[in-house]
Amino acid sequence: MKRKLSFGILGGFIGFVVGVIGGGYLGLVVGGTFLGGLEVHKYTGLEGYELAAYVGVIIGAIIATLWGIKLALRITSPTKKKI
């Protein structure tokens, strides 16, 4: 049980790091492409690409953390072979 918990924590941490980097990158790309012409700076104090990058980091971190935990637990669980 302790080993399964440690693999879940490790998978969650790796998923978090990957989600932050991937979500930030996708947010910058989408924000720079589609939100560059909007005048979001007047209302929020942030440029469109910055806002999209922050939202992408948050969403990417949450989704990839959960996915990393699930993947790590699936890899470490024993499989039953059906013959």
Protein backbone atom coordinates (compact mmCIF):
# COMPACT_ATOMS: atom_id res chain seq x y z
CA MET A 1 0.00 0.00 0.00
CA LYS A 2 2.83 2.37 0.86
CA ARG A 3 4.51 1.71 -2.47
CA LYS A 4 1.28 2.36 -4.35
CA LEU A 5 0.83 5.67 -2.51
CA SER A 6 4.38 6.79 -3.30
CA PHE A 7 3.94 5.99 -6.99
CA GLY A 8 0.67 7.93 -7.00
CA ILE A 9 2.36 10.96 -5.46
CA LEU A 10 5.27 10.73 -7.90
CA GLY A 11 2.89 10.40 -10.86
CA GLY A 12 0.91 13.37 -9.62
CA PHE A 13 4.03 15.52 -9.28
CA ILE A 14 5.30 14.62 -12.74
CA GLY A 15 1.83 15.25 -14.17
CA PHE A 16 1.73 18.63 -12.41
CA VAL A 17 5.06 19.73 -13.89
CA VAL A 18 4.11 18.55 -17.37
CA GLY A 19 0.69 20.19 -17.08
CA VAL A 20 2.16 23.53 -16.01
CA ILE A 21 4.64 23.60 -18.88
CA GLY A 22 2.25 22.25 -21.51
CA GLY A 23 -0.69 24.37 -20.39
CA GLY A 24 1.42 27.52 -20.28
CA TYR A 25 2.79 26.86 -23.74
CA LEU A 26 -0.63 26.16 -25.24
CA GLY A 27 -2.04 29.20 -23.48
CA LEU A 28 0.67 31.41 -24.96
CA VAL A 29 0.09 30.02 -28.43
CA VAL A 30 -3.68 30.34 -28.28
CA GLY A 31 -3.56 33.70 -26.51
CA GLY A 32 -1.01 35.15 -28.89
CA THR A 33 -2.90 33.93 -31.90
CA PHE A 34 -6.50 34.68 -31.04
CA LEU A 35 -6.46 37.20 -28.19
CA GLY A 36 -3.68 39.48 -29.41
CA GLY A 37 -6.03 41.91 -31.15
CA LEU A 38 -8.49 42.24 -28.29
CA GLU A 39 -8.10 45.09 -25.83
CA VAL A 40 -8.24 42.97 -22.69
CA HIS A 41 -5.58 45.15 -21.07
CA LYS A 42 -8.08 47.93 -20.39
CA TYR A 43 -10.31 45.72 -18.27
CA THR A 44 -7.99 43.24 -16.57
CA GLY A 45 -4.57 44.88 -16.54
CA LEU A 46 -3.16 41.85 -18.38
CA GLU A 47 -2.54 41.28 -22.05
CA GLY A 48 -4.57 38.58 -23.79
CA TYR A 49 -1.67 36.17 -24.15
CA GLU A 50 -0.72 36.53 -20.47
CA LEU A 51 -4.26 35.84 -19.35
CA ALA A 52 -4.52 32.81 -21.63
CA ALA A 53 -1.17 31.50 -20.37
CA TYR A 54 -2.27 31.74 -16.72
CA VAL A 55 -5.57 30.02 -17.44
CA GLY A 56 -3.73 27.35 -19.45
CA VAL A 57 -1.31 26.72 -16.57
CA ILE A 58 -4.14 26.27 -14.09
CA ILE A 59 -6.21 23.99 -16.30
CA GLY A 60 -3.17 22.02 -17.48
CA ALA A 61 -1.89 21.51 -13.94
CA ILE A 62 -5.22 20.21 -12.68
CA ILE A 63 -5.90 17.87 -15.58
CA ALA A 64 -2.36 16.54 -15.96
CA THR A 65 -2.00 15.95 -12.21
CA LEU A 66 -5.10 13.79 -12.13
CA TRP A 67 -4.05 12.02 -15.32
CA GLY A 68 -0.53 11.42 -13.93
CA ILE A 69 -1.89 9.85 -10.75
CA LYS A 70 -4.25 7.62 -12.70
CA LEU A 71 -1.53 6.55 -15.13
CA ALA A 72 1.00 5.81 -12.36
CA LEU A 73 -1.50 3.72 -10.43
CA ARG A 74 -2.49 1.82 -13.57
CA ILE A 75 1.15 1.05 -14.39
CA THR A 76 2.00 -0.16 -10.88
CA SER A 77 -1.14 -2.24 -10.28
CA PRO A 78 -0.81 -5.95 -10.83
CA THR A 79 -2.59 -7.25 -13.88
CA LYS A 80 -4.56 -10.45 -13.95
CA LYS A 81 -4.08 -12.52 -17.06
CA LYS A 82 -7.17 -14.28 -18.27
CA ILE A 83 -6.56 -17.47 -20.18
